Amino acid sequence: MDGAIANQHVQTDLRDFLDAVEEGGELKKVAGAHWDKEIGAVTEVLYREKVDRSPLLLFDDVPGYPKGFRCLYGMLGSPFRLALGMGIDPSGSGDRRAMLDAYRKRIKQYEPIPPRMVTEAPILENIDRDEDVDLTKFPVPVHHEKDGGRYIGTACGVITKDPDTGRVNVGTYRVMLNGKNIATSYISNGKQGRIQRDKYLKAGKRCPMVIVVGVDPATYIAARYTLSDNIPELDWAGGLSGAPLDCVEGEVTGLPFPARSELVLEGWVSPDETALEGPFGEWTGYYAGAAKEEPVIHIERVYYRNDPILTCAASQKPPHSHLFERCFIRSAGLLDSLEGAGIPDVKGVWIHQAGSGRTFVAVSIKQRYFGHANQVGLVASQVNPVGYVGRYIVVVDDDIDPTDINDVIWAMGTRSDPKRDFTILDRTWSSRLDTMVFDDKLYNSRVVIDACIPYEHIDDFPEVAMTSPELAKEVRAKFPDVFD
């Protein structure tokens, strides 16, 4: 890829994306798996065996449901599919650092474009209203064996609107079915959707909400990317696509949602009714957070295309079907945050899969001054997306590949001293999903590890015992059969 940006089309229609994935050989259709645990189990077992090489899984012929009512897992779960979804050249998708460079160059080349409101759209092919709403007509999975119920919102976009500023937010939050027309959602403290929702509820007002269950790649990436409060996600998705995102206006809330969505729920969050939500297998790899009362969402409209596709995500102990995309998108967000903070000479980052896409972060730098490594680590520990439930932040030199866990641990073992190079922070931002939080005080601690060569010894530190690039090139040319 060499950092080059391809003029690829960013998909705003899930079906067009699936056609491209199938053409690339990464679509697997599965017939007959049951919505109750089997679909989730098939996905987990396959991804645990194949990791980043697993196909996108499209489940059809779900027992008890019409053919064509489908569930999709792993939409962006491989380097090829993520590159395809982001509109960068998928041919070089094996190099994570080059992908990050290409993606960040791409997103810096456009301005957000507000959505274009339309009155005719595929999502309006079917509309269930009021008493006709029955969410159990869709093959909503029980994703994990001990989940508290069926989760219709996992790889989704939850749309809310700030009552003060009018800013429309799209975030990815879990949504559980509690009846044919009611649901509950858990949104962590500090998230934009939670802040907006609670403004209504604290004022005793119901909160308008739209849940896009069958979401297109552009909107999904926007929902998962950490954006400034000043940039609406639908505008950002339009900028990424290079054209306004076609949206329709909800009949009861007036909220916009993408016109080519597969399945959309519209309703109101109650200020005075709650129902039990959870437990759910979460990003930590545990049934974290237990079951708790959450505000009830009354669904008054359901919009869906003919033969709708539910986009799904089930987190498990790493690896799992949406972990690669999580690590990539958050790594790009961290690079943006560090750059925005004015930190010089950051050469790369990676939020590692083994850390569930949150708890183990590596940042590589070109050291320029005393204290540079600690500065980078401390800032990285607090900015988005690492500021939320971060745990270990490791800063390494620029000869270390931050995406290579072996490289990072080697640097920790040979360039850091635990007594001198570990900085522990306390009372930092956490969540009830944090397995090490045991009460309602949602703090955690985290450590910044300076695994860089001590700055005072940059010029006299032992030399790395490794074949030079020049000699490596010579032997590859001389013995090509060895490297086939």
Protein backbone atom coordinates (compact mmCIF):
# COMPACT_ATOMS: atom_id res chain seq x y z
CA MET A 1 0.00 0.00 0.00
CA ASP A 2 2.93 2.35 0.81
CA GLY A 3 0.49 4.75 2.43
CA ALA A 4 -1.26 5.40 -0.87
CA ILE A 5 -4.93 6.21 -0.89
CA ALA A 6 -7.10 4.47 -3.43
CA ASN A 7 -10.14 6.15 -4.91
CA GLN A 8 -12.36 3.44 -3.53
CA HIS A 9 -16.09 3.96 -3.02
CA VAL A 10 -17.08 4.03 0.64
CA GLN A 11 -20.19 1.90 0.94
CA THR A 12 -23.38 3.50 2.20
CA ASP A 13 -25.42 0.42 1.27
CA LEU A 14 -24.76 -2.83 3.10
CA ARG A 15 -25.85 -4.96 0.15
CA ASP A 16 -23.40 -3.33 -2.24
CA PHE A 17 -20.70 -3.95 0.36
CA LEU A 18 -21.66 -7.63 0.63
CA ASP A 19 -21.41 -8.01 -3.14
CA ALA A 20 -17.87 -6.62 -3.03
CA VAL A 21 -16.94 -8.88 -0.11
CA GLU A 22 -18.28 -11.93 -1.95
CA GLU A 23 -16.31 -10.97 -5.04
CA GLY A 24 -13.21 -10.77 -2.84
CA GLY A 25 -13.83 -14.31 -1.55
CA GLU A 26 -14.59 -13.39 2.08
CA LEU A 27 -18.35 -14.06 2.34
CA LYS A 28 -19.62 -17.29 3.89
CA LYS A 29 -23.35 -18.09 3.86
CA VAL A 30 -24.65 -20.34 6.65
CA ALA A 31 -28.10 -21.97 6.57
CA GLY A 32 -30.12 -23.43 9.44
CA ALA A 33 -28.33 -22.09 12.54
CA HIS A 34 -30.75 -21.28 15.36
CA TRP A 35 -31.08 -17.76 16.75
CA ASP A 36 -30.88 -19.14 20.30
CA LYS A 37 -27.12 -19.40 20.94
CA GLU A 38 -26.15 -21.35 17.79
CA ILE A 39 -25.47 -18.35 15.55
CA GLY A 40 -23.25 -16.74 18.17
CA ALA A 41 -21.45 -20.00 18.90
CA VAL A 42 -20.71 -20.70 15.23
CA THR A 43 -19.23 -17.21 14.90
CA GLU A 44 -17.09 -17.47 18.03
CA VAL A 45 -15.68 -20.91 17.29
CA LEU A 46 -14.77 -19.96 13.71
CA TYR A 47 -13.11 -16.67 14.66
CA ARG A 48 -11.18 -18.26 17.48
CA GLU A 49 -9.69 -20.71 15.00
CA LYS A 50 -9.04 -18.35 12.10
CA VAL A 51 -8.58 -14.96 13.86
CA ASP A 52 -8.10 -12.24 11.17
CA ARG A 53 -8.64 -14.75 8.32
CA SER A 54 -12.29 -15.48 9.08
CA PRO A 55 -14.96 -14.68 6.49
CA LEU A 56 -17.97 -12.45 6.93
CA LEU A 57 -20.78 -14.75 8.07
CA LEU A 58 -24.29 -14.30 6.69
CA PHE A 59 -26.87 -16.51 8.43
CA ASP A 60 -30.09 -17.38 6.56
CA ASP A 61 -32.88 -19.95 6.91
CA VAL A 62 -33.00 -19.25 10.65
CA PRO A 63 -35.47 -21.77 12.15
CA GLY A 64 -38.86 -20.17 12.76
CA TYR A 65 -38.24 -17.20 10.45
CA PRO A 66 -38.83 -16.48 6.76
CA LYS A 67 -36.00 -17.14 4.35
CA GLY A 68 -34.25 -13.86 3.66
CA PHE A 69 -34.49 -12.58 7.24
CA ARG A 70 -30.76 -12.73 7.86
CA CYS A 71 -28.09 -12.06 10.53
CA LEU A 72 -24.60 -10.84 9.69
CA TYR A 73 -21.45 -11.11 11.80
CA GLY A 74 -17.92 -9.86 11.16
CA MET A 75 -18.82 -7.07 8.74
CA LEU A 76 -15.41 -5.37 9.12
CA GLY A 77 -13.68 -8.29 10.82
CA SER A 78 -10.68 -8.69 8.49
CA PRO A 79 -8.08 -6.26 7.12
CA PHE A 80 -9.51 -6.72 3.60
CA ARG A 81 -13.10 -5.96 4.62
CA LEU A 82 -12.12 -3.03 6.82
CA ALA A 83 -10.09 -1.49 4.00
CA LEU A 84 -13.00 -2.07 1.62
CA GLY A 85 -15.44 -0.48 4.05
CA MET A 86 -13.25 2.58 4.61
CA GLY A 87 -12.57 3.18 0.95
CA ILE A 88 -8.83 2.53 0.99
CA ASP A 89 -6.93 0.14 -1.24
CA PRO A 90 -7.65 -3.38 0.08
CA SER A 91 -4.71 -4.87 -1.82
CA GLY A 92 -2.29 -3.71 0.88
CA SER A 93 -4.47 -4.61 3.84
CA GLY A 94 -1.90 -6.97 5.36
CA ASP A 95 0.16 -4.03 6.67
CA ARG A 96 -1.65 -2.48 9.62
CA ARG A 97 0.62 0.55 9.91
CA ALA A 98 0.26 1.34 6.21
CA MET A 99 -3.53 0.97 6.53
CA LEU A 100 -3.56 3.42 9.43
CA ASP A 101 -1.48 5.92 7.46
CA ALA A 102 -3.72 5.59 4.39
CA TYR A 103 -6.91 5.89 6.41
CA ARG A 104 -5.76 8.97 8.32
CA LYS A 105 -4.62 10.65 5.13
CA ARG A 106 -8.00 9.91 3.60
CA ILE A 107 -10.08 11.32 6.46
CA LYS A 108 -7.99 14.49 6.55
CA GLN A 109 -8.78 15.21 2.90
CA TYR A 110 -12.47 15.89 3.30
CA GLU A 111 -14.89 18.11 5.17
CA PRO A 112 -18.04 16.73 6.81
CA ILE A 113 -21.08 16.86 4.54
CA PRO A 114 -24.57 17.21 6.08
CA PRO A 115 -27.06 14.49 5.11
CA ARG A 116 -29.55 14.94 2.29
CA MET A 117 -33.13 14.33 3.39
CA VAL A 118 -35.22 12.19 1.03
CA THR A 119 -38.79 10.93 1.08
CA GLU A 120 -38.33 7.75 -0.97
CA ALA A 121 -35.88 5.11 0.24
CA PRO A 122 -35.33 1.33 0.48
CA ILE A 123 -35.80 1.47 4.27
CA LEU A 124 -39.42 2.58 3.69
CA GLU A 125 -40.36 -0.65 1.87
CA ASN A 126 -42.05 -1.87 5.05
CA ILE A 127 -43.30 0.13 8.04
CA ASP A 128 -44.91 -1.37 11.16
CA ARG A 129 -46.74 1.18 13.29
CA ASP A 130 -47.96 1.29 16.89
CA GLU A 131 -49.84 -1.91 17.82
CA ASP A 132 -48.42 -3.73 14.77
CA VAL A 133 -44.88 -3.46 16.13
CA ASP A 134 -43.49 -6.88 17.03
CA LEU A 135 -39.71 -7.05 17.26
CA THR A 136 -39.79 -10.83 17.69
CA LYS A 137 -40.72 -11.13 13.99
CA PHE A 138 -36.98 -10.70 13.32
CA PRO A 139 -34.38 -13.44 14.08
CA VAL A 140 -32.79 -11.54 16.97
CA PRO A 141 -30.03 -13.73 18.42
CA VAL A 142 -29.13 -14.75 21.91
CA HIS A 143 -25.46 -14.08 21.20
CA HIS A 144 -23.92 -15.79 24.26
CA GLU A 145 -25.14 -18.74 26.29
CA LYS A 146 -25.74 -16.75 29.50
CA ASP A 147 -27.00 -13.46 28.06
CA GLY A 148 -30.02 -12.04 29.86
CA GLY A 149 -32.06 -12.01 26.69
CA ARG A 150 -32.11 -11.39 22.95
CA TYR A 151 -29.99 -8.43 21.86
CA ILE A 152 -31.29 -6.68 18.75
CA GLY A 153 -28.72 -3.87 18.97
CA THR A 154 -25.04 -4.85 18.90
CA ALA A 155 -23.38 -3.78 15.62
CA CYS A 156 -25.83 -0.92 15.39
CA GLY A 157 -26.16 2.85 15.36
CA VAL A 158 -28.16 4.44 18.18
CA ILE A 159 -29.28 7.93 17.16
CA THR A 160 -30.12 10.66 19.69
CA LYS A 161 -30.31 14.45 19.62
CA ASP A 162 -29.01 16.95 22.14
CA PRO A 163 -32.00 18.96 23.42
CA ASP A 164 -29.81 22.03 23.99
CA THR A 165 -27.59 22.19 20.91
CA GLY A 166 -29.55 20.10 18.40
CA ARG A 167 -26.48 17.97 17.66
CA VAL A 168 -27.45 14.53 16.32
CA ASN A 169 -25.26 11.74 17.69
CA VAL A 170 -24.78 8.19 16.42
CA GLY A 171 -23.15 5.71 18.79
CA THR A 172 -22.89 1.94 19.13
CA TYR A 173 -24.65 0.81 22.32
CA ARG A 174 -26.18 -2.53 23.19
CA VAL A 175 -29.98 -2.88 22.98
CA MET A 176 -31.94 -5.75 24.55
CA LEU A 177 -35.48 -6.89 23.73
CA ASN A 178 -37.81 -6.80 26.73
CA GLY A 179 -41.03 -7.43 24.83
CA LYS A 180 -42.53 -7.21 21.39
CA ASN A 181 -42.41 -3.39 21.38
CA ILE A 182 -40.12 -2.47 24.26
CA ALA A 183 -36.37 -2.59 24.73
CA THR A 184 -33.64 -1.41 27.06
CA SER A 185 -30.16 -0.10 26.32
CA TYR A 186 -27.01 0.12 28.40
CA ILE A 187 -24.90 3.21 27.62
CA SER A 188 -21.75 3.76 29.68
CA ASN A 189 -21.33 6.92 31.71
CA GLY A 190 -19.64 9.73 29.80
CA LYS A 191 -20.69 8.53 26.35
CA GLN A 192 -22.36 11.14 24.13
CA GLY A 193 -25.57 9.13 23.75
CA ARG A 194 -25.83 8.78 27.54
CA ILE A 195 -25.23 12.49 28.11
CA GLN A 196 -27.90 13.43 25.57
CA ARG A 197 -30.41 10.86 26.82
CA ASP A 198 -30.01 11.88 30.46
CA LYS A 199 -30.66 15.55 29.69
CA TYR A 200 -34.21 14.57 28.71
CA LEU A 201 -34.74 12.09 31.52
CA LYS A 202 -33.48 14.40 34.27
CA ALA A 203 -35.94 17.03 33.03
CA GLY A 204 -38.75 14.45 33.28
CA LYS A 205 -39.09 14.28 29.50
CA ARG A 206 -39.01 11.25 27.24
CA CYS A 207 -35.96 11.02 24.97
CA PRO A 208 -36.37 10.46 21.22
CA MET A 209 -34.26 7.55 19.97
CA VAL A 210 -33.68 5.68 16.72
CA ILE A 211 -31.82 2.36 16.59
CA VAL A 212 -30.34 1.37 13.21
CA VAL A 213 -30.04 -2.40 13.46
CA GLY A 214 -29.00 -3.10 9.87
CA VAL A 215 -26.31 -0.48 9.40
CA ASP A 216 -24.15 0.37 6.38
CA PRO A 217 -20.31 0.40 6.69
CA ALA A 218 -19.90 4.20 6.46
CA THR A 219 -22.42 4.92 9.22
CA TYR A 220 -21.08 2.09 11.38
CA ILE A 221 -17.51 3.38 11.13
CA ALA A 222 -18.73 6.88 11.99
CA ALA A 223 -20.63 5.53 15.02
CA ARG A 224 -17.52 3.78 16.31
CA TYR A 225 -14.99 6.49 15.54
CA THR A 226 -14.23 8.98 18.32
CA LEU A 227 -15.33 12.35 16.99
CA SER A 228 -15.32 15.87 18.33
CA ASP A 229 -18.61 16.92 19.91
CA ASN A 230 -18.83 19.48 17.11
CA ILE A 231 -18.93 16.92 14.27
CA PRO A 232 -22.18 14.95 13.83
CA GLU A 233 -21.54 11.36 12.78
CA LEU A 234 -23.96 11.46 9.85
CA ASP A 235 -22.08 14.48 8.46
CA TRP A 236 -18.77 12.67 9.02
CA ALA A 237 -20.05 9.57 7.18
CA GLY A 238 -21.09 11.78 4.28
CA GLY A 239 -17.63 13.35 4.15
CA LEU A 240 -16.01 9.92 4.22
CA SER A 241 -18.27 8.84 1.35
CA GLY A 242 -17.65 12.00 -0.64
CA ALA A 243 -21.36 12.77 -0.96
CA PRO A 244 -24.29 13.59 1.34
CA LEU A 245 -25.66 10.54 3.12
CA ASP A 246 -29.27 10.07 2.06
CA CYS A 247 -31.46 10.06 5.16
CA VAL A 248 -35.15 9.93 5.96
CA GLU A 249 -36.97 11.59 8.84
CA GLY A 250 -38.59 9.41 11.46
CA GLU A 251 -42.38 9.66 11.57
CA VAL A 252 -42.66 10.08 15.35
CA THR A 253 -39.35 11.60 16.53
CA GLY A 254 -38.20 13.55 13.49
CA LEU A 255 -34.72 12.06 13.90
CA PRO A 256 -32.80 11.32 10.68
CA PHE A 257 -31.54 7.86 9.77
CA PRO A 258 -29.78 6.44 6.68
CA ALA A 259 -32.13 5.75 3.79
CA ARG A 260 -30.44 2.50 2.83
CA SER A 261 -30.49 0.96 6.30
CA GLU A 262 -31.82 -2.59 6.64
CA LEU A 263 -33.85 -2.35 9.86
CA VAL A 264 -34.62 0.72 11.99
CA LEU A 265 -36.48 1.04 15.31
CA GLU A 266 -37.94 4.40 16.36
CA GLY A 267 -39.38 5.40 19.68
CA TRP A 268 -38.97 7.10 23.02
CA VAL A 269 -36.96 6.42 26.17
CA SER A 270 -39.19 6.69 29.22
CA PRO A 271 -38.20 9.02 32.08
CA ASP A 272 -40.01 6.95 34.71
CA GLU A 273 -40.17 3.30 33.53
CA THR A 274 -37.33 0.81 33.87
CA ALA A 275 -36.77 -2.87 33.13
CA LEU A 276 -33.98 -5.33 33.82
CA GLU A 277 -31.18 -5.21 31.22
CA GLY A 278 -28.32 -7.71 31.01
CA PRO A 279 -26.16 -9.54 31.61
CA PHE A 280 -24.41 -9.54 28.24
CA GLY A 281 -21.07 -10.93 27.06
CA GLU A 282 -19.07 -7.72 26.73
CA TRP A 283 -15.84 -6.42 25.16
CA THR A 284 -13.92 -7.50 28.25
CA GLY A 285 -14.56 -11.14 27.39
CA TYR A 286 -16.76 -11.53 30.49
CA TYR A 287 -20.42 -11.21 31.41
CA ALA A 288 -19.46 -7.89 32.96
CA GLY A 289 -21.73 -5.36 34.61
CA ALA A 290 -24.39 -7.89 35.70
CA ALA A 291 -28.10 -7.16 35.17
CA LYS A 292 -29.48 -3.78 36.21
CA GLU A 293 -32.55 -1.65 35.74
CA GLU A 294 -32.36 0.62 32.68
CA PRO A 295 -34.89 3.06 31.17
CA VAL A 296 -37.48 1.43 28.93
CA ILE A 297 -37.55 2.30 25.22
CA HIS A 298 -41.05 2.22 23.71
CA ILE A 299 -40.80 1.36 20.00
CA GLU A 300 -43.58 3.00 17.95
CA ARG A 301 -42.23 2.45 14.43
CA VAL A 302 -40.23 -0.30 12.74
CA TYR A 303 -38.88 0.33 9.24
CA TYR A 304 -37.30 -2.48 7.24
CA ARG A 305 -36.29 -3.49 3.76
CA ASN A 306 -37.56 -6.60 2.06
CA ASP A 307 -35.45 -9.52 3.31
CA PRO A 308 -33.74 -7.45 6.03
CA ILE A 309 -30.22 -8.08 7.34
CA LEU A 310 -29.49 -7.63 11.04
CA THR A 311 -25.90 -6.49 11.60
CA CYS A 312 -24.61 -8.24 14.71
CA ALA A 313 -21.56 -8.24 16.97
CA ALA A 314 -20.84 -10.59 19.84
CA SER A 315 -17.84 -9.82 22.01
CA GLN A 316 -16.05 -12.72 23.61
CA LYS A 317 -12.68 -13.48 25.08
CA PRO A 318 -10.26 -12.38 22.33
CA PRO A 319 -10.19 -13.02 19.45
CA HIS A 320 -13.70 -12.43 18.15
CA SER A 321 -15.58 -11.26 15.07
CA HIS A 322 -15.41 -7.48 15.43
CA LEU A 323 -12.15 -7.08 17.33
CA PHE A 324 -9.86 -6.17 14.43
CA GLU A 325 -12.05 -3.28 13.30
CA ARG A 326 -12.34 -2.08 16.91
CA CYS A 327 -8.57 -2.02 17.34
CA PHE A 328 -8.00 -0.30 14.03
CA ILE A 329 -10.63 2.42 14.41
CA ARG A 330 -9.57 3.18 17.98
CA SER A 331 -5.90 3.25 17.00
CA ALA A 332 -6.70 5.84 14.34
CA GLY A 333 -8.66 7.82 16.92
CA LEU A 334 -5.76 7.74 19.37
CA LEU A 335 -3.36 9.02 16.72
CA ASP A 336 -5.75 11.88 16.04
CA SER A 337 -5.98 12.69 19.76
CA LEU A 338 -2.21 12.71 20.24
CA GLU A 339 -1.74 14.86 17.17
CA GLY A 340 -4.45 17.23 18.38
CA ALA A 341 -2.68 17.51 21.74
CA GLY A 342 0.44 18.76 19.98
CA ILE A 343 2.62 15.76 20.87
CA PRO A 344 5.63 15.65 18.49
CA ASP A 345 7.12 12.69 16.67
CA VAL A 346 4.52 10.01 17.40
CA LYS A 347 5.34 7.37 14.79
CA GLY A 348 2.63 4.80 15.37
CA VAL A 349 0.12 3.28 17.78
CA TRP A 350 -1.81 0.05 18.15
CA ILE A 351 -4.59 -0.86 20.55
CA HIS A 352 -4.03 -4.59 20.82
CA GLN A 353 -6.54 -7.37 20.23
CA ALA A 354 -5.25 -9.30 23.24
CA GLY A 355 -6.29 -6.33 25.37
CA SER A 356 -9.87 -6.57 24.08
CA GLY A 357 -9.34 -3.44 22.02
CA ARG A 358 -8.96 -1.23 25.11
CA THR A 359 -6.66 -2.40 27.89
CA PHE A 360 -3.24 -2.75 26.23
CA VAL A 361 -1.93 0.09 24.07
CA ALA A 362 1.46 0.60 22.43
CA VAL A 363 2.71 3.97 21.16
CA SER A 364 5.98 4.36 19.26
CA ILE A 365 7.90 7.65 19.20
CA LYS A 366 11.11 9.20 17.95
CA GLN A 367 12.55 10.47 21.22
CA ARG A 368 13.43 14.16 21.07
CA TYR A 369 13.98 15.25 24.67
CA PHE A 370 14.12 14.14 28.31
CA GLY A 371 10.66 13.12 29.49
CA HIS A 372 9.23 12.75 25.98
CA ALA A 373 8.20 9.11 26.52
CA ASN A 374 6.39 9.83 29.78
CA GLN A 375 4.66 12.84 28.27
CA VAL A 376 3.31 10.74 25.42
CA GLY A 377 2.22 7.93 27.73
CA LEU A 378 0.44 10.20 30.20
CA VAL A 379 -1.44 12.06 27.47
CA ALA A 380 -2.34 8.81 25.68
CA SER A 381 -3.72 7.40 28.93
CA GLN A 382 -6.32 10.17 29.20
CA VAL A 383 -7.45 11.10 25.68
CA ASN A 384 -10.04 9.31 23.56
CA PRO A 385 -10.40 6.45 23.07
CA VAL A 386 -7.93 5.17 25.72
CA GLY A 387 -9.25 7.49 28.43
CA TYR A 388 -12.25 5.18 28.88
CA VAL A 389 -11.28 1.98 30.77
CA GLY A 390 -7.64 2.08 29.73
CA ARG A 391 -5.19 -0.11 31.66
CA TYR A 392 -1.68 -0.47 30.22
CA ILE A 393 -0.03 2.13 28.00
CA VAL A 394 3.42 1.17 26.71
CA VAL A 395 5.64 3.73 24.98
CA VAL A 396 8.36 2.32 22.72
CA ASP A 397 11.05 3.67 20.37
CA ASP A 398 10.42 4.04 16.65
CA ASP A 399 12.43 0.92 15.81
CA ILE A 400 9.70 -1.09 17.57
CA ASP A 401 6.56 -2.03 15.61
CA PRO A 402 3.66 -1.14 17.95
CA THR A 403 1.35 -3.59 16.13
CA ASP A 404 3.71 -6.52 16.90
CA ILE A 405 3.06 -7.79 20.44
CA ASN A 406 6.37 -9.69 20.43
CA ASP A 407 8.27 -6.52 19.56
CA VAL A 408 6.47 -4.55 22.28
CA ILE A 409 7.04 -7.10 25.03
CA TRP A 410 10.69 -7.46 23.99
CA ALA A 411 11.09 -3.70 24.42
CA MET A 412 9.39 -3.84 27.82
CA GLY A 413 11.72 -6.63 28.94
CA THR A 414 14.95 -5.01 27.73
CA ARG A 415 14.42 -1.24 27.85
CA SER A 416 12.33 -0.62 30.97
CA ASP A 417 13.01 -0.92 34.67
CA PRO A 418 9.87 -1.53 36.77
CA LYS A 419 11.06 0.63 39.67
CA ARG A 420 11.90 3.64 37.51
CA ASP A 421 9.76 3.37 34.37
CA PHE A 422 6.28 2.46 35.65
CA THR A 423 3.95 5.39 36.43
CA ILE A 424 0.66 4.45 38.11
CA LEU A 425 -2.39 6.70 37.82
CA ASP A 426 -5.42 6.40 40.10
CA ARG A 427 -9.10 7.46 40.02
CA THR A 428 -9.29 7.42 36.22
CA TRP A 429 -12.40 6.95 34.02
CA SER A 430 -13.91 3.48 34.16
CA SER A 431 -17.26 1.74 33.73
CA ARG A 432 -19.49 -0.83 35.35
CA LEU A 433 -18.28 -3.16 32.56
CA ASP A 434 -14.76 -3.04 34.05
CA THR A 435 -14.16 -6.43 35.68
CA MET A 436 -11.96 -4.80 38.34
CA VAL A 437 -14.63 -2.32 39.48
CA PHE A 438 -16.53 -3.84 42.41
CA ASP A 439 -18.84 -1.00 43.49
CA ASP A 440 -20.62 2.02 42.06
CA LYS A 441 -17.48 4.17 42.15
CA LEU A 442 -16.55 3.91 38.49
CA TYR A 443 -12.83 4.61 38.80
CA ASN A 444 -9.90 2.45 37.81
CA SER A 445 -6.12 2.77 37.82
CA ARG A 446 -3.72 2.44 34.94
CA VAL A 447 -0.02 2.31 34.31
CA VAL A 448 2.20 4.09 31.82
CA ILE A 449 5.28 2.03 30.96
CA ASP A 450 8.29 3.81 29.49
CA ALA A 451 9.81 1.01 27.39
CA CYS A 452 12.05 3.37 25.44
CA ILE A 453 15.83 3.40 25.60
CA PRO A 454 16.71 5.82 28.42
CA TYR A 455 17.15 9.16 26.71
CA GLU A 456 20.51 9.72 28.36
CA HIS A 457 21.76 6.45 26.81
CA ILE A 458 20.36 6.78 23.28
CA ASP A 459 23.87 7.03 21.83
CA ASP A 460 25.55 4.30 23.90
CA PHE A 461 22.80 1.70 24.40
CA PRO A 462 23.70 -1.86 23.26
CA GLU A 463 23.11 -2.38 19.54
CA VAL A 464 20.27 -4.67 18.46
CA ALA A 465 21.50 -8.02 17.14
CA MET A 466 19.54 -8.24 13.90
CA THR A 467 20.29 -8.79 10.23
CA SER A 468 20.62 -5.47 8.41
CA PRO A 469 18.04 -4.59 5.73
CA GLU A 470 20.81 -4.63 3.11
CA LEU A 471 21.95 -8.16 3.96
CA ALA A 472 18.34 -9.34 4.26
CA LYS A 473 17.66 -8.07 0.73
CA GLU A 474 20.77 -9.85 -0.58
CA VAL A 475 19.88 -13.25 0.86
CA ARG A 476 16.27 -12.99 -0.30
CA ALA A 477 17.51 -12.41 -3.82
CA LYS A 478 20.12 -15.17 -3.62
CA PHE A 479 17.87 -17.84 -2.07
CA PRO A 480 14.37 -17.10 -3.39
CA ASP A 481 13.11 -20.66 -2.88
CA VAL A 482 13.62 -20.33 0.86
CA PHE A 483 11.26 -17.37 1.07
CA ASP A 484 8.46 -18.65 -1.15
